[in-house]
PDB file of N, CA and C in Angstrom:
ATOM      1  N   UNK A   1     163.904  50.855  76.800  1.00  0.00           N
ATOM      2  CA  UNK A   1     164.823  51.034  77.911  1.00  0.00           C
ATOM      3  C   UNK A   1     164.960  49.688  78.627  1.00  0.00           C
ATOM      4  N   UNK A   2     166.182  49.323  78.949  1.00  0.00           N
ATOM      5  CA  UNK A   2     166.429  48.034  79.593  1.00  0.00           C
ATOM      6  C   UNK A   2     165.961  48.044  81.047  1.00  0.00           C
ATOM      7  N   UNK A   3     165.691  46.862  81.555  1.00  0.00           N
ATOM      8  CA  UNK A   3     165.266  46.717  82.950  1.00  0.00           C
ATOM      9  C   UNK A   3     166.340  47.240  83.903  1.00  0.00           C
ATOM     10  N   UNK A   4     167.589  46.987  83.560  1.00  0.00           N
ATOM     11  CA  UNK A   4     168.686  47.436  84.412  1.00  0.00           C
ATOM     12  C   UNK A   4     168.729  48.965  84.490  1.00  0.00           C
ATOM     13  N   UNK A   5     168.496  49.621  83.361  1.00  0.00           N
ATOM     14  CA  UNK A   5     168.498  51.083  83.358  1.00  0.00           C
ATOM     15  C   UNK A   5     167.317  51.622  84.169  1.00  0.00           C
ATOM     16  N   UNK A   6     166.178  50.962  84.083  1.00  0.00           N
ATOM     17  CA  UNK A   6     165.011  51.373  84.881  1.00  0.00           C
ATOM     18  C   UNK A   6     165.313  51.219  86.367  1.00  0.00           C
ATOM     19  N   UNK A   7     165.948  50.113  86.724  1.00  0.00           N
ATOM     20  CA  UNK A   7     166.343  49.904  88.124  1.00  0.00           C
ATOM     21  C   UNK A   7     167.294  51.009  88.562  1.00  0.00           C
ATOM     22  N   UNK A   8     168.275  51.307  87.720  1.00  0.00           N
ATOM     23  CA  UNK A   8     169.258  52.335  88.056  1.00  0.00           C
ATOM     24  C   UNK A   8     168.589  53.703  88.226  1.00  0.00           C
ATOM     25  N   UNK A   9     167.763  54.096  87.281  1.00  0.00           N
ATOM     26  CA  UNK A   9     167.094  55.400  87.363  1.00  0.00           C
ATOM     27  C   UNK A   9     166.141  55.467  88.551  1.00  0.00           C
ATOM     28  N   UNK A  10     165.462  54.370  88.845  1.00  0.00           N
ATOM     29  CA  UNK A  10     164.583  54.324  90.016  1.00  0.00           C
ATOM     30  C   UNK A  10     165.389  54.498  91.300  1.00  0.00           C
ATOM     31  N   UNK A  11     166.547  53.865  91.344  1.00  0.00           N
ATOM     32  CA  UNK A  11     167.416  53.999  92.517  1.00  0.00           C
ATOM     33  C   UNK A  11     167.941  55.426  92.647  1.00  0.00           C
ATOM     34  N   UNK A  12     168.257  56.073  91.522  1.00  0.00           N
ATOM     35  CA  UNK A  12     168.710  57.473  91.545  1.00  0.00           C
ATOM     36  C   UNK A  12     167.630  58.350  92.166  1.00  0.00           C
ATOM     37  N   UNK A  13     166.408  58.211  91.670  1.00  0.00           N
ATOM     38  CA  UNK A  13     165.297  59.040  92.154  1.00  0.00           C
ATOM     39  C   UNK A  13     165.017  58.771  93.626  1.00  0.00           C
ATOM     40  N   UNK A  14     164.976  57.506  94.005  1.00  0.00           N
ATOM     41  CA  UNK A  14     164.696  57.148  95.397  1.00  0.00           C
ATOM     42  C   UNK A  14     165.817  57.613  96.320  1.00  0.00           C
ATOM     43  N   UNK A  15     167.061  57.444  95.888  1.00  0.00           N
ATOM     44  CA  UNK A  15     168.200  57.877  96.696  1.00  0.00           C
ATOM     45  C   UNK A  15     168.150  59.387  96.928  1.00  0.00           C
ATOM     46  N   UNK A  16     167.892  60.134  95.856  1.00  0.00           N
ATOM     47  CA  UNK A  16     167.811  61.590  95.985  1.00  0.00           C
ATOM     48  C   UNK A  16     166.669  61.990  96.907  1.00  0.00           C
ATOM     49  N   UNK A  17     165.502  61.385  96.716  1.00  0.00           N
ATOM     50  CA  UNK A  17     164.338  61.730  97.537  1.00  0.00           C
ATOM     51  C   UNK A  17     164.613  61.478  99.016  1.00  0.00           C
ATOM     52  N   UNK A  18     165.218  60.340  99.322  1.00  0.00           N
ATOM     53  CA  UNK A  18     165.525  60.037 100.726  1.00  0.00           C
ATOM     54  C   UNK A  18     166.605  60.965 101.280  1.00  0.00           C
ATOM     55  N   UNK A  19     167.616  61.276 100.477  1.00  0.00           N
ATOM     56  CA  UNK A  19     168.661  62.195 100.933  1.00  0.00           C
ATOM     57  C   UNK A  19     168.050  63.566 101.233  1.00  0.00           C
ATOM     58  N   UNK A  20     167.171  64.018 100.347  1.00  0.00           N
ATOM     59  CA  UNK A  20     166.506  65.311 100.531  1.00  0.00           C
ATOM     60  C   UNK A  20     165.660  65.297 101.806  1.00  0.00           C
ATOM     61  N   UNK A  21     164.830  64.262 101.963  1.00  0.00           N
ATOM     62  CA  UNK A  21     163.981  64.155 103.163  1.00  0.00           C
ATOM     63  C   UNK A  21     164.808  64.054 104.436  1.00  0.00           C
ATOM     64  N   UNK A  22     165.840  63.244 104.412  1.00  0.00           N
ATOM     65  CA  UNK A  22     166.689  63.104 105.601  1.00  0.00           C
ATOM     66  C   UNK A  22     167.334  64.430 105.970  1.00  0.00           C
ATOM     67  N   UNK A  23     167.696  65.227 104.969  1.00  0.00           N
ATOM     68  CA  UNK A  23     168.257  66.548 105.253  1.00  0.00           C
ATOM     69  C   UNK A  23     167.246  67.458 105.932  1.00  0.00           C
ATOM     70  N   UNK A  24     166.021  67.428 105.447  1.00  0.00           N
ATOM     71  CA  UNK A  24     164.969  68.236 106.077  1.00  0.00           C
ATOM     72  C   UNK A  24     164.728  67.760 107.504  1.00  0.00           C
ATOM     73  N   UNK A  25     164.618  66.449 107.675  1.00  0.00           N
ATOM     74  CA  UNK A  25     164.408  65.907 109.022  1.00  0.00           C
ATOM     75  C   UNK A  25     165.565  66.259 109.947  1.00  0.00           C
ATOM     76  N   UNK A  26     166.776  66.191 109.432  1.00  0.00           N
ATOM     77  CA  UNK A  26     167.953  66.532 110.231  1.00  0.00           C
ATOM     78  C   UNK A  26     167.899  67.989 110.672  1.00  0.00           C
ATOM     79  N   UNK A  27     167.613  68.867 109.737  1.00  0.00           N
ATOM     80  CA  UNK A  27     167.600  70.304 110.052  1.00  0.00           C
ATOM     81  C   UNK A  27     166.463  70.677 110.997  1.00  0.00           C
ATOM     82  N   UNK A  28     165.406  69.888 110.989  1.00  0.00           N
ATOM     83  CA  UNK A  28     164.283  70.124 111.909  1.00  0.00           C
ATOM     84  C   UNK A  28     164.422  69.345 113.209  1.00  0.00           C
ATOM     85  N   UNK A  29     165.521  68.627 113.354  1.00  0.00           N
ATOM     86  CA  UNK A  29     165.767  67.775 114.530  1.00  0.00           C
ATOM     87  C   UNK A  29     164.612  66.810 114.762  1.00  0.00           C
ATOM     88  N   UNK A  30     164.127  66.239 113.691  1.00  0.00           N
ATOM     89  CA  UNK A  30     162.992  65.322 113.759  1.00  0.00           C
ATOM     90  C   UNK A  30     163.401  64.001 114.401  1.00  0.00           C
ATOM     91  N   UNK A  31     162.533  63.453 115.253  1.00  0.00           N
ATOM     92  CA  UNK A  31     162.822  62.136 115.842  1.00  0.00           C
ATOM     93  C   UNK A  31     162.805  61.012 114.800  1.00  0.00           C
ATOM     94  N   UNK A  32     162.271  61.276 113.623  1.00  0.00           N
ATOM     95  CA  UNK A  32     162.282  60.270 112.552  1.00  0.00           C
ATOM     96  C   UNK A  32     163.711  59.838 112.247  1.00  0.00           C
ATOM     97  N   UNK A  33     164.663  60.764 112.395  1.00  0.00           N
ATOM     98  CA  UNK A  33     166.060  60.450 112.092  1.00  0.00           C
ATOM     99  C   UNK A  33     166.622  59.337 112.978  1.00  0.00           C
ATOM    100  N   UNK A  34     165.971  59.074 114.107  1.00  0.00           N
ATOM    101  CA  UNK A  34     166.452  58.034 115.013  1.00  0.00           C
ATOM    102  C   UNK A  34     165.856  56.667 114.705  1.00  0.00           C
ATOM    103  N   UNK A  35     164.900  56.622 113.780  1.00  0.00           N
ATOM    104  CA  UNK A  35     164.279  55.338 113.452  1.00  0.00           C
ATOM    105  C   UNK A  35     165.257  54.463 112.677  1.00  0.00           C
ATOM    106  N   UNK A  36     165.189  53.193 112.949  1.00  0.00           N
ATOM    107  CA  UNK A  36     166.132  52.236 112.367  1.00  0.00           C
ATOM    108  C   UNK A  36     166.098  52.224 110.836  1.00  0.00           C
ATOM    109  N   UNK A  37     164.912  52.273 110.252  1.00  0.00           N
ATOM    110  CA  UNK A  37     164.802  52.193 108.794  1.00  0.00           C
ATOM    111  C   UNK A  37     165.499  53.364 108.109  1.00  0.00           C
ATOM    112  N   UNK A  38     165.512  54.521 108.766  1.00  0.00           N
ATOM    113  CA  UNK A  38     166.134  55.713 108.184  1.00  0.00           C
ATOM    114  C   UNK A  38     167.644  55.525 108.087  1.00  0.00           C
ATOM    115  N   UNK A  39     168.182  54.674 108.925  1.00  0.00           N
ATOM    116  CA  UNK A  39     169.625  54.426 108.905  1.00  0.00           C
ATOM    117  C   UNK A  39     170.004  53.271 107.981  1.00  0.00           C
ATOM    118  N   UNK A  40     169.036  52.404 107.643  1.00  0.00           N
ATOM    119  CA  UNK A  40     169.333  51.207 106.843  1.00  0.00           C
ATOM    120  C   UNK A  40     168.915  51.361 105.381  1.00  0.00           C
ATOM    121  N   UNK A  41     167.700  51.811 105.149  1.00  0.00           N
ATOM    122  CA  UNK A  41     167.139  51.846 103.785  1.00  0.00           C
ATOM    123  C   UNK A  41     167.986  52.662 102.808  1.00  0.00           C
ATOM    124  N   UNK A  42     168.452  53.873 103.176  1.00  0.00           N
ATOM    125  CA  UNK A  42     169.265  54.627 102.209  1.00  0.00           C
ATOM    126  C   UNK A  42     170.510  53.871 101.749  1.00  0.00           C
ATOM    127  N   UNK A  43     171.150  53.145 102.645  1.00  0.00           N
ATOM    128  CA  UNK A  43     172.348  52.388 102.279  1.00  0.00           C
ATOM    129  C   UNK A  43     171.993  51.240 101.333  1.00  0.00           C
ATOM    130  N   UNK A  44     170.853  50.617 101.558  1.00  0.00           N
ATOM    131  CA  UNK A  44     170.406  49.535 100.677  1.00  0.00           C
ATOM    132  C   UNK A  44     170.124  50.066  99.275  1.00  0.00           C
ATOM    133  N   UNK A  45     169.444  51.185  99.189  1.00  0.00           N
ATOM    134  CA  UNK A  45     169.128  51.787  97.889  1.00  0.00           C
ATOM    135  C   UNK A  45     170.415  52.223  97.189  1.00  0.00           C
ATOM    136  N   UNK A  46     171.320  52.825  97.935  1.00  0.00           N
ATOM    137  CA  UNK A  46     172.588  53.267  97.338  1.00  0.00           C
ATOM    138  C   UNK A  46     173.428  52.093  96.853  1.00  0.00           C
ATOM    139  N   UNK A  47     173.303  50.944  97.511  1.00  0.00           N
ATOM    140  CA  UNK A  47     173.997  49.740  97.057  1.00  0.00           C
ATOM    141  C   UNK A  47     173.427  49.282  95.712  1.00  0.00           C
ATOM    142  N   UNK A  48     172.104  49.276  95.597  1.00  0.00           N
ATOM    143  CA  UNK A  48     171.465  48.926  94.321  1.00  0.00           C
ATOM    144  C   UNK A  48     171.895  49.923  93.248  1.00  0.00           C
ATOM    145  N   UNK A  49     171.927  51.195  93.603  1.00  0.00           N
ATOM    146  CA  UNK A  49     172.331  52.247  92.667  1.00  0.00           C
ATOM    147  C   UNK A  49     173.757  52.023  92.163  1.00  0.00           C
ATOM    148  N   UNK A  50     174.669  51.774  93.066  1.00  0.00           N
ATOM    149  CA  UNK A  50     176.069  51.580  92.690  1.00  0.00           C
ATOM    150  C   UNK A  50     176.272  50.302  91.877  1.00  0.00           C
ATOM    151  N   UNK A  51     175.648  49.215  92.307  1.00  0.00           N
ATOM    152  CA  UNK A  51     175.800  47.955  91.572  1.00  0.00           C
ATOM    153  C   UNK A  51     175.209  48.057  90.169  1.00  0.00           C
ATOM    154  N   UNK A  52     174.045  48.687  90.047  1.00  0.00           N
ATOM    155  CA  UNK A  52     173.440  48.836  88.722  1.00  0.00           C
ATOM    156  C   UNK A  52     174.297  49.737  87.839  1.00  0.00           C
ATOM    157  N   UNK A  53     174.926  50.753  88.426  1.00  0.00           N
ATOM    158  CA  UNK A  53     175.811  51.637  87.658  1.00  0.00           C
ATOM    159  C   UNK A  53     177.023  50.874  87.138  1.00  0.00           C
ATOM    160  N   UNK A  54     177.597  50.049  87.981  1.00  0.00           N
ATOM    161  CA  UNK A  54     178.773  49.271  87.580  1.00  0.00           C
ATOM    162  C   UNK A  54     178.418  48.305  86.451  1.00  0.00           C
ATOM    163  N   UNK A  55     177.299  47.606  86.591  1.00  0.00           N
ATOM    164  CA  UNK A  55     176.893  46.649  85.563  1.00  0.00           C
ATOM    165  C   UNK A  55     176.542  47.371  84.263  1.00  0.00           C
ATOM    166  N   UNK A  56     175.834  48.492  84.342  1.00  0.00           N
ATOM    167  CA  UNK A  56     175.509  49.265  83.137  1.00  0.00           C
ATOM    168  C   UNK A  56     176.772  49.730  82.423  1.00  0.00           C
ATOM    169  N   UNK A  57     177.710  50.267  83.182  1.00  0.00           N
ATOM    170  CA  UNK A  57     178.963  50.740  82.579  1.00  0.00           C
ATOM    171  C   UNK A  57     179.696  49.589  81.902  1.00  0.00           C
ATOM    172  N   UNK A  58     179.740  48.447  82.557  1.00  0.00           N
ATOM    173  CA  UNK A  58     180.397  47.284  81.990  1.00  0.00           C
ATOM    174  C   UNK A  58     179.698  46.827  80.710  1.00  0.00           C
ATOM    175  N   UNK A  59     178.346  46.734  80.752  1.00  0.00           N
ATOM    176  CA  UNK A  59     177.594  46.292  79.576  1.00  0.00           C
ATOM    177  C   UNK A  59     177.768  47.235  78.389  1.00  0.00           C
ATOM    178  N   UNK A  60     177.854  48.532  78.675  1.00  0.00           N
ATOM    179  CA  UNK A  60     177.948  49.523  77.607  1.00  0.00           C
ATOM    180  C   UNK A  60     179.393  49.822  77.191  1.00  0.00           C
ATOM    181  N   UNK A  61     180.340  49.217  77.889  1.00  0.00           N
ATOM    182  CA  UNK A  61     181.746  49.389  77.537  1.00  0.00           C
ATOM    183  C   UNK A  61     182.359  50.704  78.019  1.00  0.00           C
ATOM    184  N   UNK A  62     181.739  51.320  79.015  1.00  0.00           N
ATOM    185  CA  UNK A  62     182.294  52.553  79.573  1.00  0.00           C
ATOM    186  C   UNK A  62     183.237  52.220  80.717  1.00  0.00           C
ATOM    187  N   UNK A  63     184.319  52.971  80.799  1.00  0.00           N
ATOM    188  CA  UNK A  63     185.193  52.878  81.960  1.00  0.00           C
ATOM    189  C   UNK A  63     185.704  54.288  82.246  1.00  0.00           C
ATOM    190  N   UNK A  64     186.156  54.530  83.459  1.00  0.00           N
ATOM    191  CA  UNK A  64     186.701  55.854  83.780  1.00  0.00           C
ATOM    192  C   UNK A  64     187.918  56.207  82.928  1.00  0.00           C
ATOM    193  N   UNK A  65     188.574  55.189  82.371  1.00  0.00           N
ATOM    194  CA  UNK A  65     189.757  55.430  81.555  1.00  0.00           C
ATOM    195  C   UNK A  65     189.414  55.898  80.148  1.00  0.00           C
ATOM    196  N   UNK A  66     188.259  55.470  79.630  1.00  0.00           N
ATOM    197  CA  UNK A  66     187.890  55.870  78.271  1.00  0.00           C
ATOM    198  C   UNK A  66     186.705  56.836  78.227  1.00  0.00           C
ATOM    199  N   UNK A  67     186.191  57.184  79.391  1.00  0.00           N
ATOM    200  CA  UNK A  67     185.020  58.071  79.467  1.00  0.00           C
ATOM    201  C   UNK A  67     185.256  59.123  80.552  1.00  0.00           C
ATOM    202  N   UNK A  68     185.765  60.300  80.176  1.00  0.00           N
ATOM    203  CA  UNK A  68     186.046  61.329  81.182  1.00  0.00           C
ATOM    204  C   UNK A  68     184.832  61.725  82.020  1.00  0.00           C
ATOM    205  N   UNK A  69     183.651  61.695  81.421  1.00  0.00           N
ATOM    206  CA  UNK A  69     182.440  62.030  82.166  1.00  0.00           C
ATOM    207  C   UNK A  69     182.202  61.025  83.292  1.00  0.00           C
ATOM    208  N   UNK A  70     182.537  59.752  83.058  1.00  0.00           N
ATOM    209  CA  UNK A  70     182.370  58.726  84.084  1.00  0.00           C
ATOM    210  C   UNK A  70     183.401  58.914  85.196  1.00  0.00           C
ATOM    211  N   UNK A  71     184.613  59.244  84.824  1.00  0.00           N
ATOM    212  CA  UNK A  71     185.646  59.534  85.836  1.00  0.00           C
ATOM    213  C   UNK A  71     185.221  60.718  86.694  1.00  0.00           C
ATOM    214  N   UNK A  72     184.664  61.755  86.053  1.00  0.00           N
ATOM    215  CA  UNK A  72     184.203  62.937  86.789  1.00  0.00           C
ATOM    216  C   UNK A  72     183.056  62.572  87.730  1.00  0.00           C
ATOM    217  N   UNK A  73     182.158  61.688  87.273  1.00  0.00           N
ATOM    218  CA  UNK A  73     181.052  61.250  88.125  1.00  0.00           C
ATOM    219  C   UNK A  73     181.572  60.510  89.357  1.00  0.00           C
ATOM    220  N   UNK A  74     182.580  59.689  89.170  1.00  0.00           N
ATOM    221  CA  UNK A  74     183.132  58.922  90.293  1.00  0.00           C
ATOM    222  C   UNK A  74     183.772  59.861  91.309  1.00  0.00           C
ATOM    223  N   UNK A  75     184.531  60.826  90.839  1.00  0.00           N
ATOM    224  CA  UNK A  75     185.130  61.814  91.751  1.00  0.00           C
ATOM    225  C   UNK A  75     184.024  62.597  92.459  1.00  0.00           C
ATOM    226  N   UNK A  76     183.012  63.023  91.699  1.00  0.00           N
ATOM    227  CA  UNK A  76     181.908  63.778  92.291  1.00  0.00           C
ATOM    228  C   UNK A  76     181.145  62.920  93.306  1.00  0.00           C
ATOM    229  N   UNK A  77     181.015  61.629  93.027  1.00  0.00           N
ATOM    230  CA  UNK A  77     180.354  60.730  93.972  1.00  0.00           C
ATOM    231  C   UNK A  77     181.102  60.692  95.304  1.00  0.00           C
ATOM    232  N   UNK A  78     182.426  60.646  95.246  1.00  0.00           N
ATOM    233  CA  UNK A  78     183.221  60.658  96.476  1.00  0.00           C
ATOM    234  C   UNK A  78     183.030  61.966  97.245  1.00  0.00           C
ATOM    235  N   UNK A  79     182.958  63.082  96.519  1.00  0.00           N
ATOM    236  CA  UNK A  79     182.704  64.387  97.153  1.00  0.00           C
ATOM    237  C   UNK A  79     181.313  64.384  97.784  1.00  0.00           C
ATOM    238  N   UNK A  80     180.327  63.860  97.054  1.00  0.00           N
ATOM    239  CA  UNK A  80     178.944  63.775  97.547  1.00  0.00           C
ATOM    240  C   UNK A  80     178.871  62.947  98.831  1.00  0.00           C
ATOM    241  N   UNK A  81     179.546  61.818  98.841  1.00  0.00           N
ATOM    242  CA  UNK A  81     179.568  60.965 100.036  1.00  0.00           C
ATOM    243  C   UNK A  81     180.201  61.710 101.202  1.00  0.00           C
ATOM    244  N   UNK A  82     181.324  62.387 100.944  1.00  0.00           N
ATOM    245  CA  UNK A  82     181.991  63.146 102.005  1.00  0.00           C
ATOM    246  C   UNK A  82     181.110  64.254 102.560  1.00  0.00           C
ATOM    247  N   UNK A  83     180.441  64.972 101.678  1.00  0.00           N
ATOM    248  CA  UNK A  83     179.547  66.041 102.130  1.00  0.00           C
ATOM    249  C   UNK A  83     178.358  65.472 102.903  1.00  0.00           C
ATOM    250  N   UNK A  84     177.850  64.327 102.458  1.00  0.00           N
ATOM    251  CA  UNK A  84     176.759  63.680 103.185  1.00  0.00           C
ATOM    252  C   UNK A  84     177.191  63.251 104.576  1.00  0.00           C
ATOM    253  N   UNK A  85     178.384  62.700 104.671  1.00  0.00           N
ATOM    254  CA  UNK A  85     178.907  62.314 105.989  1.00  0.00           C
ATOM    255  C   UNK A  85     179.071  63.539 106.884  1.00  0.00           C
ATOM    256  N   UNK A  86     179.547  64.620 106.297  1.00  0.00           N
ATOM    257  CA  UNK A  86     179.689  65.858 107.058  1.00  0.00           C
ATOM    258  C   UNK A  86     178.321  66.339 107.545  1.00  0.00           C
ATOM    259  N   UNK A  87     177.357  66.361 106.649  1.00  0.00           N
ATOM    260  CA  UNK A  87     176.030  66.858 107.008  1.00  0.00           C
ATOM    261  C   UNK A  87     175.354  65.994 108.072  1.00  0.00           C
ATOM    262  N   UNK A  88     175.439  64.680 107.931  1.00  0.00           N
ATOM    263  CA  UNK A  88     174.676  63.787 108.801  1.00  0.00           C
ATOM    264  C   UNK A  88     175.433  63.274 110.021  1.00  0.00           C
ATOM    265  N   UNK A  89     176.764  63.368 110.012  1.00  0.00           N
ATOM    266  CA  UNK A  89     177.513  62.806 111.139  1.00  0.00           C
ATOM    267  C   UNK A  89     178.442  63.794 111.842  1.00  0.00           C
ATOM    268  N   UNK A  90     179.202  64.543 111.071  1.00  0.00           N
ATOM    269  CA  UNK A  90     180.326  65.259 111.661  1.00  0.00           C
ATOM    270  C   UNK A  90     180.104  66.746 111.908  1.00  0.00           C
ATOM    271  N   UNK A  91     179.194  67.374 111.198  1.00  0.00           N
ATOM    272  CA  UNK A  91     178.966  68.810 111.397  1.00  0.00           C
ATOM    273  C   UNK A  91     178.406  69.044 112.797  1.00  0.00           C
ATOM    274  N   UNK A  92     178.889  70.073 113.430  1.00  0.00           N
ATOM    275  CA  UNK A  92     178.490  70.354 114.816  1.00  0.00           C
ATOM    276  C   UNK A  92     177.300  71.302 114.916  1.00  0.00           C
ATOM    277  N   UNK A  93     177.201  72.225 113.985  1.00  0.00           N
ATOM    278  CA  UNK A  93     176.131  73.223 114.071  1.00  0.00           C
ATOM    279  C   UNK A  93     175.119  73.020 112.950  1.00  0.00           C
ATOM    280  N   UNK A  94     173.946  73.574 113.143  1.00  0.00           N
ATOM    281  CA  UNK A  94     172.903  73.495 112.126  1.00  0.00           C
ATOM    282  C   UNK A  94     173.348  74.192 110.837  1.00  0.00           C
ATOM    283  N   UNK A  95     174.082  75.287 110.966  1.00  0.00           N
ATOM    284  CA  UNK A  95     174.575  76.014 109.785  1.00  0.00           C
ATOM    285  C   UNK A  95     175.562  75.152 108.995  1.00  0.00           C
ATOM    286  N   UNK A  96     176.437  74.441 109.694  1.00  0.00           N
ATOM    287  CA  UNK A  96     177.381  73.549 109.020  1.00  0.00           C
ATOM    288  C   UNK A  96     176.643  72.408 108.327  1.00  0.00           C
ATOM    289  N   UNK A  97     175.633  71.859 109.009  1.00  0.00           N
ATOM    290  CA  UNK A  97     174.840  70.779 108.414  1.00  0.00           C
ATOM    291  C   UNK A  97     174.124  71.255 107.161  1.00  0.00           C
ATOM    292  N   UNK A  98     173.508  72.432 107.255  1.00  0.00           N
ATOM    293  CA  UNK A  98     172.784  72.992 106.122  1.00  0.00           C
ATOM    294  C   UNK A  98     173.723  73.229 104.940  1.00  0.00           C
ATOM    295  N   UNK A  99     174.870  73.815 105.212  1.00  0.00           N
ATOM    296  CA  UNK A  99     175.833  74.101 104.146  1.00  0.00           C
ATOM    297  C   UNK A  99     176.308  72.823 103.473  1.00  0.00           C
ATOM    298  N   UNK A 100     176.669  71.817 104.252  1.00  0.00           N
ATOM    299  CA  UNK A 100     177.133  70.547 103.689  1.00  0.00           C
ATOM    300  C   UNK A 100     176.024  69.865 102.903  1.00  0.00           C
ATOM    301  N   UNK A 101     174.801  69.894 103.425  1.00  0.00           N
ATOM    302  CA  UNK A 101     173.662  69.269 102.756  1.00  0.00           C
ATOM    303  C   UNK A 101     173.365  69.953 101.420  1.00  0.00           C
ATOM    304  N   UNK A 102     173.344  71.288 101.424  1.00  0.00           N
ATOM    305  CA  UNK A 102     173.090  72.026 100.184  1.00  0.00           C
ATOM    306  C   UNK A 102     174.195  71.789  99.156  1.00  0.00           C
ATOM    307  N   UNK A 103     175.440  71.769  99.605  1.00  0.00           N
ATOM    308  CA  UNK A 103     176.554  71.487  98.689  1.00  0.00           C
ATOM    309  C   UNK A 103     176.429  70.075  98.117  1.00  0.00           C
ATOM    310  N   UNK A 104     176.031  69.119  98.952  1.00  0.00           N
ATOM    311  CA  UNK A 104     175.841  67.747  98.478  1.00  0.00           C
ATOM    312  C   UNK A 104     174.732  67.693  97.421  1.00  0.00           C
ATOM    313  N   UNK A 105     173.663  68.453  97.609  1.00  0.00           N
ATOM    314  CA  UNK A 105     172.588  68.492  96.621  1.00  0.00           C
ATOM    315  C   UNK A 105     173.098  69.045  95.289  1.00  0.00           C
ATOM    316  N   UNK A 106     173.941  70.062  95.353  1.00  0.00           N
ATOM    317  CA  UNK A 106     174.531  70.616  94.130  1.00  0.00           C
ATOM    318  C   UNK A 106     175.413  69.588  93.428  1.00  0.00           C
ATOM    319  N   UNK A 107     176.206  68.869  94.198  1.00  0.00           N
ATOM    320  CA  UNK A 107     177.079  67.842  93.619  1.00  0.00           C
ATOM    321  C   UNK A 107     176.227  66.731  92.997  1.00  0.00           C
ATOM    322  N   UNK A 108     175.142  66.371  93.648  1.00  0.00           N
ATOM    323  CA  UNK A 108     174.236  65.365  93.087  1.00  0.00           C
ATOM    324  C   UNK A 108     173.719  65.840  91.726  1.00  0.00           C
ATOM    325  N   UNK A 109     173.343  67.116  91.655  1.00  0.00           N
ATOM    326  CA  UNK A 109     172.897  67.692  90.385  1.00  0.00           C
ATOM    327  C   UNK A 109     173.962  67.606  89.308  1.00  0.00           C
ATOM    328  N   UNK A 110     175.205  67.853  89.697  1.00  0.00           N
ATOM    329  CA  UNK A 110     176.324  67.740  88.754  1.00  0.00           C
ATOM    330  C   UNK A 110     176.452  66.300  88.249  1.00  0.00           C
ATOM    331  N   UNK A 111     176.341  65.333  89.156  1.00  0.00           N
ATOM    332  CA  UNK A 111     176.470  63.924  88.782  1.00  0.00           C
ATOM    333  C   UNK A 111     175.402  63.564  87.745  1.00  0.00           C
ATOM    334  N   UNK A 112     174.175  64.002  87.988  1.00  0.00           N
ATOM    335  CA  UNK A 112     173.090  63.720  87.049  1.00  0.00           C
ATOM    336  C   UNK A 112     173.360  64.405  85.705  1.00  0.00           C
ATOM    337  N   UNK A 113     173.798  65.662  85.753  1.00  0.00           N
ATOM    338  CA  UNK A 113     174.080  66.397  84.509  1.00  0.00           C
ATOM    339  C   UNK A 113     175.203  65.731  83.711  1.00  0.00           C
ATOM    340  N   UNK A 114     176.233  65.274  84.398  1.00  0.00           N
ATOM    341  CA  UNK A 114     177.332  64.587  83.711  1.00  0.00           C
ATOM    342  C   UNK A 114     176.835  63.283  83.074  1.00  0.00           C
ATOM    343  N   UNK A 115     175.928  62.586  83.767  1.00  0.00           N
ATOM    344  CA  UNK A 115     175.381  61.348  83.227  1.00  0.00           C
ATOM    345  C   UNK A 115     174.530  61.614  81.986  1.00  0.00           C
ATOM    346  N   UNK A 116     173.758  62.676  82.013  1.00  0.00           N
ATOM    347  CA  UNK A 116     172.866  62.986  80.887  1.00  0.00           C
ATOM    348  C   UNK A 116     173.645  63.501  79.681  1.00  0.00           C
ATOM    349  N   UNK A 117     174.608  64.368  79.932  1.00  0.00           N
ATOM    350  CA  UNK A 117     175.346  65.002  78.806  1.00  0.00           C
ATOM    351  C   UNK A 117     176.540  64.175  78.338  1.00  0.00           C
ATOM    352  N   UNK A 118     177.027  63.278  79.190  1.00  0.00           N
ATOM    353  CA  UNK A 118     178.276  62.529  78.927  1.00  0.00           C
ATOM    354  C   UNK A 118     179.441  63.484  78.693  1.00  0.00           C
ATOM    355  N   UNK A 119     179.364  64.640  79.359  1.00  0.00           N
ATOM    356  CA  UNK A 119     180.419  65.642  79.235  1.00  0.00           C
ATOM    357  C   UNK A 119     180.649  66.256  80.613  1.00  0.00           C
ATOM    358  N   UNK A 120     181.828  66.059  81.190  1.00  0.00           N
ATOM    359  CA  UNK A 120     182.073  66.581  82.529  1.00  0.00           C
ATOM    360  C   UNK A 120     182.098  68.110  82.597  1.00  0.00           C
ATOM    361  N   UNK A 121     182.374  68.758  81.490  1.00  0.00           N
ATOM    362  CA  UNK A 121     182.447  70.217  81.494  1.00  0.00           C
ATOM    363  C   UNK A 121     181.085  70.854  81.235  1.00  0.00           C
ATOM    364  N   UNK A 122     180.296  70.269  80.342  1.00  0.00           N
ATOM    365  CA  UNK A 122     178.966  70.814  80.083  1.00  0.00           C
ATOM    366  C   UNK A 122     178.061  70.679  81.296  1.00  0.00           C
ATOM    367  N   UNK A 123     178.376  69.729  82.152  1.00  0.00           N
ATOM    368  CA  UNK A 123     177.578  69.527  83.356  1.00  0.00           C
ATOM    369  C   UNK A 123     177.744  70.676  84.340  1.00  0.00           C
ATOM    370  N   UNK A 124     178.815  71.463  84.172  1.00  0.00           N
ATOM    371  CA  UNK A 124     179.042  72.587  85.071  1.00  0.00           C
ATOM    372  C   UNK A 124     178.079  73.688  84.698  1.00  0.00           C
TER     373      UNK A 124
END
């Protein structure tokens, strides 16, 4: 396995773990959510994740135009980001936050499944 793929997979795992923890902290109204690192570190990890994904796709010759699974992942990523923004910034009630967070977790699962199967439909 290449170093770049290890970096990418490590970023996937770390990003998911932090998103999951931040959701729990949010739902519990934990003061941890106000700490500076909680607002900075996830964005840094997600930047590494996105950059490594772009470089991997380029190295392997994948593009959204020739790989439907990659196009589906990109669309799902936008949905995931929107749901995360809803959960962490815009939702007014705890129920709305929980619903958006759980939906985002499901979309994250879809993204991983599409990456593993290279099939946007089998990932469903």
